[in-house]
Amino acid sequence: MADDRVANEIIEDAVSGRRRGPAIAVLIPCLNEAVTVEAVVQDFRKSLPSATVYVYDNNSTDNTPLIAADAGAVVRHEPLQGKGNVVRRMFADIEADIYVLVDGDDTYDAASADTMVRLMAEEGFDLVNGARRSEDEGSFRRGHAFGNALLAGLVTRMFGRPAGDMLSGYKVFSRRFVKSFPVSSSGFEIETELTVHALDLEMPMTELVLPYRERPEGSESKLSTVGDGFRIVGTIVRLVRSERPLAFFTALAGLLAVIAVILAFPLALTFVHTHRVPRFPTAVLATGLMILAFLSMASGLILDTVTRGRREAKVLRYLAVPGPRCLDAGY
């Protein structure tokens, strides 16, 4: 087994006194990627000879696990469906210094992995994102490109730093990124959550523009333009609510207050002239909306305090793990 081989090498190095470079793990979540997984595993083993390649199978109905194992990968299984669930299990189970996360669809450039890892080790980045560049129009769907741009623009405004190609499935992480990351997404929204984690903790991060190609013939995408579009909208709302609750609930309070004033204004004018309250149900509605506006504002203030405490806990966990520059870069 590959796990035993890696363990034996570590023991031999410890006995002989040889220095090892950073432990590198290549993480490949897979669902029915029998057509492409062999090439992906072999390409990354060639690009990063010292790395251990892990393939986490997510209930494939084809021969993905067998093909990956034959190609030299350590194969494990995650029964909970969804890429976010797979990434959660990967980050929890695997111990390494540098983690390379890549999709198993053979659309990303494995030869660039060495450059990304070296950049992280030498410059001390916690996240190196592989931005996709393609000359083939078939590689990107218009709906996905639009959603990516919309989401990246929102996150950039929220955090004041460029988010780049947030939905790229090719990223390199430091150990302190991985071990301080509380995964909450279950599906493809995990890509957004990964970037937001780095931005929220103000981690050193960078992005490299890398080649991106269309899926090989016979390989089918698991993404849905409409379904993922709704997920993107949901992710945008959830991001603003969880990471910027004061802004979110203040905006909601402002909207409710404006509606309440619009409804109440003609009633107030009538009351000034007649000393009577016409359309009593409307007056009750306007009063209720204004109460909700104040409650929303109070909720924002309370949740903002909770968010600050949660962020401080993540920062402390992040600082407790040595950074990439503390590693021996001789890999």
C-alpha atoms as a PDB file:
ATOM      1  CA  MET A   1       0.000   0.000   0.000  1.00  0.00           C
ATOM      2  CA  ALA A   2       1.148   3.537  -0.742  1.00  0.00           C
ATOM      3  CA  ASP A   3       0.499   4.639   2.857  1.00  0.00           C
ATOM      4  CA  ASP A   4       2.890   1.947   4.126  1.00  0.00           C
ATOM      5  CA  ARG A   5       5.505   2.969   1.569  1.00  0.00           C
ATOM      6  CA  VAL A   6       5.392   6.612   2.694  1.00  0.00           C
ATOM      7  CA  ALA A   7       5.552   5.609   6.361  1.00  0.00           C
ATOM      8  CA  ASN A   8       8.572   3.368   5.706  1.00  0.00           C
ATOM      9  CA  GLU A   9      10.383   6.169   3.870  1.00  0.00           C
ATOM     10  CA  ILE A  10       9.823   8.553   6.778  1.00  0.00           C
ATOM     11  CA  ILE A  11      11.141   5.956   9.248  1.00  0.00           C
ATOM     12  CA  GLU A  12      14.214   5.286   7.088  1.00  0.00           C
ATOM     13  CA  ASP A  13      14.946   9.002   6.839  1.00  0.00           C
ATOM     14  CA  ALA A  14      14.581   9.439  10.587  1.00  0.00           C
ATOM     15  CA  VAL A  15      16.964   6.538  11.294  1.00  0.00           C
ATOM     16  CA  SER A  16      19.556   7.678   8.733  1.00  0.00           C
ATOM     17  CA  GLY A  17      19.324  11.330   9.742  1.00  0.00           C
ATOM     18  CA  ARG A  18      18.512  12.484   6.238  1.00  0.00           C
ATOM     19  CA  ARG A  19      16.535  15.734   5.944  1.00  0.00           C
ATOM     20  CA  ARG A  20      13.258  15.616   4.135  1.00  0.00           C
ATOM     21  CA  GLY A  21      11.619  18.489   2.354  1.00  0.00           C
ATOM     22  CA  PRO A  22       8.032  19.497   3.055  1.00  0.00           C
ATOM     23  CA  ALA A  23       5.510  16.686   2.884  1.00  0.00           C
ATOM     24  CA  ILE A  24       3.322  17.352  -0.147  1.00  0.00           C
ATOM     25  CA  ALA A  25      -0.106  15.838  -0.662  1.00  0.00           C
ATOM     26  CA  VAL A  26      -1.992  16.004  -3.952  1.00  0.00           C
ATOM     27  CA  LEU A  27      -5.724  15.798  -3.251  1.00  0.00           C
ATOM     28  CA  ILE A  28      -8.026  14.696  -6.074  1.00  0.00           C
ATOM     29  CA  PRO A  29     -11.770  14.458  -5.339  1.00  0.00           C
ATOM     30  CA  CYS A  30     -13.426  12.211  -7.920  1.00  0.00           C
ATOM     31  CA  LEU A  31     -16.879  11.191  -9.059  1.00  0.00           C
ATOM     32  CA  ASN A  32     -17.056   8.972 -12.141  1.00  0.00           C
ATOM     33  CA  GLU A  33     -13.755  10.131 -13.638  1.00  0.00           C
ATOM     34  CA  ALA A  34     -12.640   6.775 -15.079  1.00  0.00           C
ATOM     35  CA  VAL A  35     -11.801   8.440 -18.397  1.00  0.00           C
ATOM     36  CA  THR A  36      -9.409  10.994 -16.915  1.00  0.00           C
ATOM     37  CA  VAL A  37      -8.205   9.948 -13.457  1.00  0.00           C
ATOM     38  CA  GLU A  38      -5.274   7.828 -14.680  1.00  0.00           C
ATOM     39  CA  ALA A  39      -3.772  10.721 -16.639  1.00  0.00           C
ATOM     40  CA  VAL A  40      -4.297  13.132 -13.737  1.00  0.00           C
ATOM     41  CA  VAL A  41      -2.587  10.843 -11.208  1.00  0.00           C
ATOM     42  CA  GLN A  42       0.330  10.066 -13.504  1.00  0.00           C
ATOM     43  CA  ASP A  43       0.845  13.706 -14.504  1.00  0.00           C
ATOM     44  CA  PHE A  44       0.966  14.901 -10.888  1.00  0.00           C
ATOM     45  CA  ARG A  45       3.274  12.075  -9.838  1.00  0.00           C
ATOM     46  CA  LYS A  46       5.595  13.203 -12.618  1.00  0.00           C
ATOM     47  CA  SER A  47       5.335  16.906 -11.744  1.00  0.00           C
ATOM     48  CA  LEU A  48       5.753  16.323  -7.976  1.00  0.00           C
ATOM     49  CA  PRO A  49       7.750  13.094  -7.569  1.00  0.00           C
ATOM     50  CA  SER A  50       8.069  13.478  -3.793  1.00  0.00           C
ATOM     51  CA  ALA A  51       4.333  14.005  -3.266  1.00  0.00           C
ATOM     52  CA  THR A  52       1.749  11.437  -2.238  1.00  0.00           C
ATOM     53  CA  VAL A  53      -1.294  11.477  -4.525  1.00  0.00           C
ATOM     54  CA  TYR A  54      -4.644  10.839  -2.843  1.00  0.00           C
ATOM     55  CA  VAL A  55      -7.829  10.113  -4.761  1.00  0.00           C
ATOM     56  CA  TYR A  56     -11.022  10.374  -2.714  1.00  0.00           C
ATOM     57  CA  ASP A  57     -13.835   8.585  -4.486  1.00  0.00           C
ATOM     58  CA  ASN A  58     -17.282  10.062  -3.907  1.00  0.00           C
ATOM     59  CA  ASN A  59     -19.558   7.098  -4.713  1.00  0.00           C
ATOM     60  CA  SER A  60     -18.448   6.565  -8.299  1.00  0.00           C
ATOM     61  CA  THR A  61     -20.411   4.012 -10.311  1.00  0.00           C
ATOM     62  CA  ASP A  62     -17.556   3.343 -12.747  1.00  0.00           C
ATOM     63  CA  ASN A  63     -14.007   2.026 -12.263  1.00  0.00           C
ATOM     64  CA  THR A  64     -12.525   5.293 -10.996  1.00  0.00           C
ATOM     65  CA  PRO A  65     -11.125   3.829  -7.719  1.00  0.00           C
ATOM     66  CA  LEU A  66      -9.493   0.831  -9.413  1.00  0.00           C
ATOM     67  CA  ILE A  67      -7.938   2.907 -12.187  1.00  0.00           C
ATOM     68  CA  ALA A  68      -6.625   5.471  -9.699  1.00  0.00           C
ATOM     69  CA  ALA A  69      -5.058   2.762  -7.539  1.00  0.00           C
ATOM     70  CA  ASP A  70      -3.410   1.139 -10.559  1.00  0.00           C
ATOM     71  CA  ALA A  71      -1.995   4.549 -11.518  1.00  0.00           C
ATOM     72  CA  GLY A  72      -0.257   4.819  -8.142  1.00  0.00           C
ATOM     73  CA  ALA A  73      -2.675   6.864  -6.037  1.00  0.00           C
ATOM     74  CA  VAL A  74      -3.755   6.234  -2.466  1.00  0.00           C
ATOM     75  CA  VAL A  75      -7.506   5.666  -2.857  1.00  0.00           C
ATOM     76  CA  ARG A  76     -10.004   6.437  -0.136  1.00  0.00           C
ATOM     77  CA  HIS A  77     -13.775   6.751  -0.089  1.00  0.00           C
ATOM     78  CA  GLU A  78     -16.165   9.444   1.130  1.00  0.00           C
ATOM     79  CA  PRO A  79     -19.820   8.306   1.271  1.00  0.00           C
ATOM     80  CA  LEU A  80     -21.327  11.770   1.873  1.00  0.00           C
ATOM     81  CA  GLN A  81     -22.121  13.149  -1.571  1.00  0.00           C
ATOM     82  CA  GLY A  82     -20.702  16.526  -2.589  1.00  0.00           C
ATOM     83  CA  LYS A  83     -17.298  18.065  -3.184  1.00  0.00           C
ATOM     84  CA  GLY A  84     -17.447  20.054   0.052  1.00  0.00           C
ATOM     85  CA  ASN A  85     -17.915  16.852   2.041  1.00  0.00           C
ATOM     86  CA  VAL A  86     -14.954  15.273   0.257  1.00  0.00           C
ATOM     87  CA  VAL A  87     -12.699  18.267   0.935  1.00  0.00           C
ATOM     88  CA  ARG A  88     -13.731  18.230   4.607  1.00  0.00           C
ATOM     89  CA  ARG A  89     -12.672  14.597   4.913  1.00  0.00           C
ATOM     90  CA  MET A  90      -9.414  15.218   3.016  1.00  0.00           C
ATOM     91  CA  PHE A  91      -8.399  18.132   5.212  1.00  0.00           C
ATOM     92  CA  ALA A  92      -9.256  16.192   8.364  1.00  0.00           C
ATOM     93  CA  ASP A  93      -7.543  12.919   7.446  1.00  0.00           C
ATOM     94  CA  ILE A  94      -4.373  13.905   5.603  1.00  0.00           C
ATOM     95  CA  GLU A  95      -1.293  15.250   7.344  1.00  0.00           C
ATOM     96  CA  ALA A  96       1.083  17.245   5.125  1.00  0.00           C
ATOM     97  CA  ASP A  97       2.924  20.545   4.929  1.00  0.00           C
ATOM     98  CA  ILE A  98       1.626  21.575   1.508  1.00  0.00           C
ATOM     99  CA  TYR A  99      -1.660  20.498  -0.061  1.00  0.00           C
ATOM    100  CA  VAL A 100      -2.387  20.585  -3.804  1.00  0.00           C
ATOM    101  CA  LEU A 101      -6.128  20.394  -4.500  1.00  0.00           C
ATOM    102  CA  VAL A 102      -7.137  19.662  -8.096  1.00  0.00           C
ATOM    103  CA  ASP A 103     -10.175  18.274  -9.893  1.00  0.00           C
ATOM    104  CA  GLY A 104      -9.902  14.849 -11.478  1.00  0.00           C
ATOM    105  CA  ASP A 105     -11.247  15.901 -14.880  1.00  0.00           C
ATOM    106  CA  ASP A 106      -7.837  16.464 -16.544  1.00  0.00           C
ATOM    107  CA  THR A 107      -8.565  20.103 -17.423  1.00  0.00           C
ATOM    108  CA  TYR A 108      -5.788  21.638 -15.301  1.00  0.00           C
ATOM    109  CA  ASP A 109      -2.067  21.797 -16.045  1.00  0.00           C
ATOM    110  CA  ALA A 110      -0.239  19.348 -13.782  1.00  0.00           C
ATOM    111  CA  ALA A 111       3.166  20.614 -14.951  1.00  0.00           C
ATOM    112  CA  SER A 112       2.480  23.920 -13.165  1.00  0.00           C
ATOM    113  CA  ALA A 113       2.160  22.250  -9.766  1.00  0.00           C
ATOM    114  CA  ASP A 114       5.907  22.387  -9.119  1.00  0.00           C
ATOM    115  CA  THR A 115       5.943  26.142  -9.785  1.00  0.00           C
ATOM    116  CA  MET A 116       2.969  26.705  -7.477  1.00  0.00           C
ATOM    117  CA  VAL A 117       4.493  24.669  -4.649  1.00  0.00           C
ATOM    118  CA  ARG A 118       7.877  26.380  -4.954  1.00  0.00           C
ATOM    119  CA  LEU A 119       6.214  29.786  -4.943  1.00  0.00           C
ATOM    120  CA  MET A 120       4.405  28.905  -1.729  1.00  0.00           C
ATOM    121  CA  ALA A 121       7.501  27.527  -0.004  1.00  0.00           C
ATOM    122  CA  GLU A 122       9.792  30.383  -1.049  1.00  0.00           C
ATOM    123  CA  GLU A 123       7.417  33.342  -0.652  1.00  0.00           C
ATOM    124  CA  GLY A 124       5.415  32.112   2.326  1.00  0.00           C
ATOM    125  CA  PHE A 125       1.966  32.215   0.723  1.00  0.00           C
ATOM    126  CA  ASP A 126      -0.866  30.320   2.370  1.00  0.00           C
ATOM    127  CA  LEU A 127      -2.898  30.075  -0.835  1.00  0.00           C
ATOM    128  CA  VAL A 128      -1.734  29.915  -4.431  1.00  0.00           C
ATOM    129  CA  ASN A 129      -4.718  29.912  -6.773  1.00  0.00           C
ATOM    130  CA  GLY A 130      -4.536  28.567 -10.316  1.00  0.00           C
ATOM    131  CA  ALA A 131      -6.489  31.034 -12.460  1.00  0.00           C
ATOM    132  CA  ARG A 132      -7.834  29.470 -15.629  1.00  0.00           C
ATOM    133  CA  ARG A 133      -6.761  30.716 -19.035  1.00  0.00           C
ATOM    134  CA  SER A 134      -8.138  29.012 -22.093  1.00  0.00           C
ATOM    135  CA  GLU A 135      -8.137  29.710 -25.807  1.00  0.00           C
ATOM    136  CA  ASP A 136     -10.886  27.149 -26.298  1.00  0.00           C
ATOM    137  CA  GLU A 137     -14.390  28.598 -25.957  1.00  0.00           C
ATOM    138  CA  GLY A 138     -15.743  25.171 -25.058  1.00  0.00           C
ATOM    139  CA  SER A 139     -13.803  25.121 -21.799  1.00  0.00           C
ATOM    140  CA  PHE A 140     -16.038  27.726 -20.152  1.00  0.00           C
ATOM    141  CA  ARG A 141     -19.817  27.925 -20.095  1.00  0.00           C
ATOM    142  CA  ARG A 142     -21.189  31.449 -20.313  1.00  0.00           C
ATOM    143  CA  GLY A 143     -23.338  30.972 -17.245  1.00  0.00           C
ATOM    144  CA  HIS A 144     -20.393  29.774 -15.172  1.00  0.00           C
ATOM    145  CA  ALA A 145     -18.151  32.600 -16.383  1.00  0.00           C
ATOM    146  CA  PHE A 146     -20.830  35.183 -15.521  1.00  0.00           C
ATOM    147  CA  GLY A 147     -21.436  33.649 -12.091  1.00  0.00           C
ATOM    148  CA  ASN A 148     -17.715  33.535 -11.392  1.00  0.00           C
ATOM    149  CA  ALA A 149     -17.302  37.221 -12.294  1.00  0.00           C
ATOM    150  CA  LEU A 150     -20.370  38.230 -10.257  1.00  0.00           C
ATOM    151  CA  LEU A 151     -19.263  36.317  -7.188  1.00  0.00           C
ATOM    152  CA  ALA A 152     -15.653  37.507  -7.430  1.00  0.00           C
ATOM    153  CA  GLY A 153     -16.820  41.124  -7.755  1.00  0.00           C
ATOM    154  CA  LEU A 154     -18.987  40.851  -4.655  1.00  0.00           C
ATOM    155  CA  VAL A 155     -16.252  39.235  -2.573  1.00  0.00           C
ATOM    156  CA  THR A 156     -13.746  41.849  -3.749  1.00  0.00           C
ATOM    157  CA  ARG A 157     -16.088  44.612  -2.540  1.00  0.00           C
ATOM    158  CA  MET A 158     -16.657  42.820   0.765  1.00  0.00           C
ATOM    159  CA  PHE A 159     -12.998  42.301   1.640  1.00  0.00           C
ATOM    160  CA  GLY A 160     -11.243  45.047  -0.324  1.00  0.00           C
ATOM    161  CA  ARG A 161      -8.886  42.561  -2.000  1.00  0.00           C
ATOM    162  CA  PRO A 162      -9.197  40.996  -5.465  1.00  0.00           C
ATOM    163  CA  ALA A 163     -10.720  37.525  -5.306  1.00  0.00           C
ATOM    164  CA  GLY A 164      -9.497  36.399  -8.745  1.00  0.00           C
ATOM    165  CA  ASP A 165     -10.758  33.174 -10.294  1.00  0.00           C
ATOM    166  CA  MET A 166     -12.611  32.001  -7.213  1.00  0.00           C
ATOM    167  CA  LEU A 167     -14.253  28.976  -8.807  1.00  0.00           C
ATOM    168  CA  SER A 168     -11.007  27.440 -10.021  1.00  0.00           C
ATOM    169  CA  GLY A 169     -10.590  23.860  -8.849  1.00  0.00           C
ATOM    170  CA  TYR A 170      -6.770  24.085  -8.796  1.00  0.00           C
ATOM    171  CA  LYS A 171      -5.323  25.483  -5.568  1.00  0.00           C
ATOM    172  CA  VAL A 172      -2.276  24.984  -3.339  1.00  0.00           C
ATOM    173  CA  PHE A 173      -2.636  25.440   0.439  1.00  0.00           C
ATOM    174  CA  SER A 174      -0.283  25.668   3.376  1.00  0.00           C
ATOM    175  CA  ARG A 175      -0.804  23.436   6.390  1.00  0.00           C
ATOM    176  CA  ARG A 176      -1.936  26.350   8.543  1.00  0.00           C
ATOM    177  CA  PHE A 177      -4.608  27.223   5.973  1.00  0.00           C
ATOM    178  CA  VAL A 178      -5.969  23.675   5.939  1.00  0.00           C
ATOM    179  CA  LYS A 179      -5.908  23.120   9.693  1.00  0.00           C
ATOM    180  CA  SER A 180      -7.630  26.433  10.452  1.00  0.00           C
ATOM    181  CA  PHE A 181     -10.355  26.029   7.817  1.00  0.00           C
ATOM    182  CA  PRO A 182     -13.816  25.112   9.175  1.00  0.00           C
ATOM    183  CA  VAL A 183     -15.528  23.555   6.156  1.00  0.00           C
ATOM    184  CA  SER A 184     -19.265  24.238   6.121  1.00  0.00           C
ATOM    185  CA  SER A 185     -20.143  23.743   2.432  1.00  0.00           C
ATOM    186  CA  SER A 186     -21.228  20.363   1.111  1.00  0.00           C
ATOM    187  CA  GLY A 187     -21.088  20.982  -2.641  1.00  0.00           C
ATOM    188  CA  PHE A 188     -19.238  23.024  -5.241  1.00  0.00           C
ATOM    189  CA  GLU A 189     -19.660  26.174  -3.127  1.00  0.00           C
ATOM    190  CA  ILE A 190     -16.511  24.984  -1.360  1.00  0.00           C
ATOM    191  CA  GLU A 191     -14.400  26.881  -3.938  1.00  0.00           C
ATOM    192  CA  THR A 192     -15.873  30.187  -2.767  1.00  0.00           C
ATOM    193  CA  GLU A 193     -15.536  29.288   0.897  1.00  0.00           C
ATOM    194  CA  LEU A 194     -11.830  28.497   0.451  1.00  0.00           C
ATOM    195  CA  THR A 195     -11.077  31.929  -1.000  1.00  0.00           C
ATOM    196  CA  VAL A 196     -13.188  33.748   1.593  1.00  0.00           C
ATOM    197  CA  HIS A 197     -11.300  31.980   4.394  1.00  0.00           C
ATOM    198  CA  ALA A 198      -7.991  33.384   3.105  1.00  0.00           C
ATOM    199  CA  LEU A 199      -9.415  36.875   2.592  1.00  0.00           C
ATOM    200  CA  ASP A 200     -11.150  36.976   5.967  1.00  0.00           C
ATOM    201  CA  LEU A 201      -7.962  36.076   7.854  1.00  0.00           C
ATOM    202  CA  GLU A 202      -5.886  38.366   5.607  1.00  0.00           C
ATOM    203  CA  MET A 203      -3.588  35.509   4.641  1.00  0.00           C
ATOM    204  CA  PRO A 204      -0.767  36.047   2.144  1.00  0.00           C
ATOM    205  CA  MET A 205      -2.105  34.715  -1.138  1.00  0.00           C
ATOM    206  CA  THR A 206      -1.421  35.006  -4.842  1.00  0.00           C
ATOM    207  CA  GLU A 207      -2.732  33.780  -8.169  1.00  0.00           C
ATOM    208  CA  LEU A 208      -1.007  32.314 -11.207  1.00  0.00           C
ATOM    209  CA  VAL A 209      -2.627  32.297 -14.627  1.00  0.00           C
ATOM    210  CA  LEU A 210      -2.344  28.722 -15.910  1.00  0.00           C
ATOM    211  CA  PRO A 211      -3.463  26.814 -19.010  1.00  0.00           C
ATOM    212  CA  TYR A 212      -6.936  25.335 -18.874  1.00  0.00           C
ATOM    213  CA  ARG A 213      -8.303  22.868 -21.388  1.00  0.00           C
ATOM    214  CA  GLU A 214     -11.612  21.303 -22.286  1.00  0.00           C
ATOM    215  CA  ARG A 215     -12.584  17.956 -20.839  1.00  0.00           C
ATOM    216  CA  PRO A 216     -11.421  14.966 -22.901  1.00  0.00           C
ATOM    217  CA  GLU A 217     -13.972  13.253 -25.105  1.00  0.00           C
ATOM    218  CA  GLY A 218     -16.138  10.872 -23.126  1.00  0.00           C
ATOM    219  CA  SER A 219     -15.777  12.808 -19.876  1.00  0.00           C
ATOM    220  CA  GLU A 220     -18.878  14.581 -18.602  1.00  0.00           C
ATOM    221  CA  SER A 221     -19.062  17.623 -16.328  1.00  0.00           C
ATOM    222  CA  LYS A 222     -20.893  17.288 -13.007  1.00  0.00           C
ATOM    223  CA  LEU A 223     -21.855  20.992 -13.036  1.00  0.00           C
ATOM    224  CA  SER A 224     -25.280  22.349 -13.944  1.00  0.00           C
ATOM    225  CA  THR A 225     -25.549  25.905 -15.261  1.00  0.00           C
ATOM    226  CA  VAL A 226     -29.014  26.518 -13.772  1.00  0.00           C
ATOM    227  CA  GLY A 227     -28.527  24.546 -10.568  1.00  0.00           C
ATOM    228  CA  ASP A 228     -25.091  25.984  -9.895  1.00  0.00           C
ATOM    229  CA  GLY A 229     -26.411  29.450 -10.761  1.00  0.00           C
ATOM    230  CA  PHE A 230     -28.912  29.191  -7.898  1.00  0.00           C
ATOM    231  CA  ARG A 231     -26.150  27.874  -5.657  1.00  0.00           C
ATOM    232  CA  ILE A 232     -24.011  30.897  -6.540  1.00  0.00           C
ATOM    233  CA  VAL A 233     -26.842  33.269  -5.624  1.00  0.00           C
ATOM    234  CA  GLY A 234     -27.372  31.378  -2.375  1.00  0.00           C
ATOM    235  CA  THR A 235     -23.651  31.500  -1.667  1.00  0.00           C
ATOM    236  CA  ILE A 236     -23.594  35.269  -2.217  1.00  0.00           C
ATOM    237  CA  VAL A 237     -26.430  35.783   0.281  1.00  0.00           C
ATOM    238  CA  ARG A 238     -24.898  33.403   2.816  1.00  0.00           C
ATOM    239  CA  LEU A 239     -21.473  35.018   2.489  1.00  0.00           C
ATOM    240  CA  VAL A 240     -22.723  38.524   3.148  1.00  0.00           C
ATOM    241  CA  ARG A 241     -24.920  37.347   6.031  1.00  0.00           C
ATOM    242  CA  SER A 242     -22.218  35.294   7.770  1.00  0.00           C
ATOM    243  CA  GLU A 243     -19.102  37.367   7.100  1.00  0.00           C
ATOM    244  CA  ARG A 244     -20.608  40.874   7.133  1.00  0.00           C
ATOM    245  CA  PRO A 245     -23.733  40.540   9.306  1.00  0.00           C
ATOM    246  CA  LEU A 246     -23.824  44.205  10.325  1.00  0.00           C
ATOM    247  CA  ALA A 247     -23.878  45.361   6.708  1.00  0.00           C
ATOM    248  CA  PHE A 248     -26.403  42.660   5.737  1.00  0.00           C
ATOM    249  CA  PHE A 249     -28.895  43.329   8.514  1.00  0.00           C
ATOM    250  CA  THR A 250     -28.422  47.103   8.301  1.00  0.00           C
ATOM    251  CA  ALA A 251     -29.341  46.955   4.619  1.00  0.00           C
ATOM    252  CA  LEU A 252     -32.353  44.793   5.467  1.00  0.00           C
ATOM    253  CA  ALA A 253     -33.351  47.220   8.231  1.00  0.00           C
ATOM    254  CA  GLY A 254     -33.043  50.144   5.830  1.00  0.00           C
ATOM    255  CA  LEU A 255     -35.256  48.403   3.256  1.00  0.00           C
ATOM    256  CA  LEU A 256     -37.930  47.620   5.847  1.00  0.00           C
ATOM    257  CA  ALA A 257     -37.812  51.168   7.232  1.00  0.00           C
ATOM    258  CA  VAL A 258     -38.180  52.704   3.757  1.00  0.00           C
ATOM    259  CA  ILE A 259     -41.229  50.540   3.005  1.00  0.00           C
ATOM    260  CA  ALA A 260     -42.729  51.427   6.383  1.00  0.00           C
ATOM    261  CA  VAL A 261     -42.246  55.168   5.759  1.00  0.00           C
ATOM    262  CA  ILE A 262     -43.761  54.923   2.273  1.00  0.00           C
ATOM    263  CA  LEU A 263     -46.827  53.199   3.690  1.00  0.00           C
ATOM    264  CA  ALA A 264     -47.125  55.520   6.697  1.00  0.00           C
ATOM    265  CA  PHE A 265     -46.510  58.875   4.990  1.00  0.00           C
ATOM    266  CA  PRO A 266     -49.970  59.311   3.356  1.00  0.00           C
ATOM    267  CA  LEU A 267     -51.598  58.081   6.568  1.00  0.00           C
ATOM    268  CA  ALA A 268     -49.704  60.723   8.547  1.00  0.00           C
ATOM    269  CA  LEU A 269     -50.766  63.488   6.152  1.00  0.00           C
ATOM    270  CA  THR A 270     -54.407  62.426   6.467  1.00  0.00           C
ATOM    271  CA  PHE A 271     -54.121  62.287  10.260  1.00  0.00           C
ATOM    272  CA  VAL A 272     -52.731  65.858  10.365  1.00  0.00           C
ATOM    273  CA  HIS A 273     -55.747  67.156   8.474  1.00  0.00           C
ATOM    274  CA  THR A 274     -58.537  64.979   9.873  1.00  0.00           C
ATOM    275  CA  HIS A 275     -57.127  63.702  13.185  1.00  0.00           C
ATOM    276  CA  ARG A 276     -58.204  60.230  12.106  1.00  0.00           C
ATOM    277  CA  VAL A 277     -56.213  57.174  11.067  1.00  0.00           C
ATOM    278  CA  PRO A 278     -57.557  55.848   7.774  1.00  0.00           C
ATOM    279  CA  ARG A 279     -56.789  52.318   6.507  1.00  0.00           C
ATOM    280  CA  PHE A 280     -56.015  50.989   9.947  1.00  0.00           C
ATOM    281  CA  PRO A 281     -54.558  47.646   8.662  1.00  0.00           C
ATOM    282  CA  THR A 282     -52.002  49.635   6.642  1.00  0.00           C
ATOM    283  CA  ALA A 283     -51.024  51.565   9.760  1.00  0.00           C
ATOM    284  CA  VAL A 284     -50.544  48.287  11.643  1.00  0.00           C
ATOM    285  CA  LEU A 285     -48.418  46.934   8.782  1.00  0.00           C
ATOM    286  CA  ALA A 286     -46.228  50.058   8.692  1.00  0.00           C
ATOM    287  CA  THR A 287     -45.735  49.877  12.455  1.00  0.00           C
ATOM    288  CA  GLY A 288     -44.837  46.192  12.259  1.00  0.00           C
ATOM    289  CA  LEU A 289     -42.312  46.815   9.474  1.00  0.00           C
ATOM    290  CA  MET A 290     -40.624  49.557  11.468  1.00  0.00           C
ATOM    291  CA  ILE A 291     -40.382  47.266  14.507  1.00  0.00           C
ATOM    292  CA  LEU A 292     -38.827  44.588  12.291  1.00  0.00           C
ATOM    293  CA  ALA A 293     -36.342  47.167  11.011  1.00  0.00           C
ATOM    294  CA  PHE A 294     -35.160  47.909  14.541  1.00  0.00           C
ATOM    295  CA  LEU A 295     -34.979  44.180  15.339  1.00  0.00           C
ATOM    296  CA  SER A 296     -32.928  43.608  12.207  1.00  0.00           C
ATOM    297  CA  MET A 297     -30.493  46.338  13.210  1.00  0.00           C
ATOM    298  CA  ALA A 298     -30.170  44.822  16.700  1.00  0.00           C
ATOM    299  CA  SER A 299     -29.585  41.371  15.173  1.00  0.00           C
ATOM    300  CA  GLY A 300     -26.820  42.790  12.997  1.00  0.00           C
ATOM    301  CA  LEU A 301     -25.047  44.313  15.992  1.00  0.00           C
ATOM    302  CA  ILE A 302     -25.250  41.078  17.986  1.00  0.00           C
ATOM    303  CA  LEU A 303     -24.145  38.836  15.110  1.00  0.00           C
ATOM    304  CA  ASP A 304     -21.292  41.196  14.266  1.00  0.00           C
ATOM    305  CA  THR A 305     -19.912  40.605  17.759  1.00  0.00           C
ATOM    306  CA  VAL A 306     -20.283  36.835  17.302  1.00  0.00           C
ATOM    307  CA  THR A 307     -18.555  36.993  13.919  1.00  0.00           C
ATOM    308  CA  ARG A 308     -15.626  38.920  15.388  1.00  0.00           C
ATOM    309  CA  GLY A 309     -15.218  36.295  18.115  1.00  0.00           C
ATOM    310  CA  ARG A 310     -15.365  33.473  15.582  1.00  0.00           C
ATOM    311  CA  ARG A 311     -12.791  35.219  13.412  1.00  0.00           C
ATOM    312  CA  GLU A 312     -10.444  35.703  16.375  1.00  0.00           C
ATOM    313  CA  ALA A 313     -10.683  31.969  17.151  1.00  0.00           C
ATOM    314  CA  LYS A 314      -9.764  31.121  13.550  1.00  0.00           C
ATOM    315  CA  VAL A 315      -6.848  33.551  13.619  1.00  0.00           C
ATOM    316  CA  LEU A 316      -5.482  31.975  16.804  1.00  0.00           C
ATOM    317  CA  ARG A 317      -5.751  28.505  15.274  1.00  0.00           C
ATOM    318  CA  TYR A 318      -4.088  29.780  12.121  1.00  0.00           C
ATOM    319  CA  LEU A 319      -1.178  31.345  14.025  1.00  0.00           C
ATOM    320  CA  ALA A 320      -0.644  28.162  16.045  1.00  0.00           C
ATOM    321  CA  VAL A 321       0.551  26.273  12.933  1.00  0.00           C
ATOM    322  CA  PRO A 322       3.980  27.034  11.393  1.00  0.00           C
ATOM    323  CA  GLY A 323       3.880  28.783   8.025  1.00  0.00           C
ATOM    324  CA  PRO A 324       5.386  27.648   4.709  1.00  0.00           C
ATOM    325  CA  ARG A 325       8.605  29.608   5.228  1.00  0.00           C
ATOM    326  CA  CYS A 326       9.395  27.483   8.282  1.00  0.00           C
ATOM    327  CA  LEU A 327       9.725  24.422   6.029  1.00  0.00           C
ATOM    328  CA  ASP A 328      12.806  22.922   4.452  1.00  0.00           C
ATOM    329  CA  ALA A 329      12.301  23.884   0.800  1.00  0.00           C
ATOM    330  CA  GLY A 330      14.587  21.168  -0.498  1.00  0.00           C
ATOM    331  CA  TYR A 331      12.038  18.941  -2.112  1.00  0.00           C
END
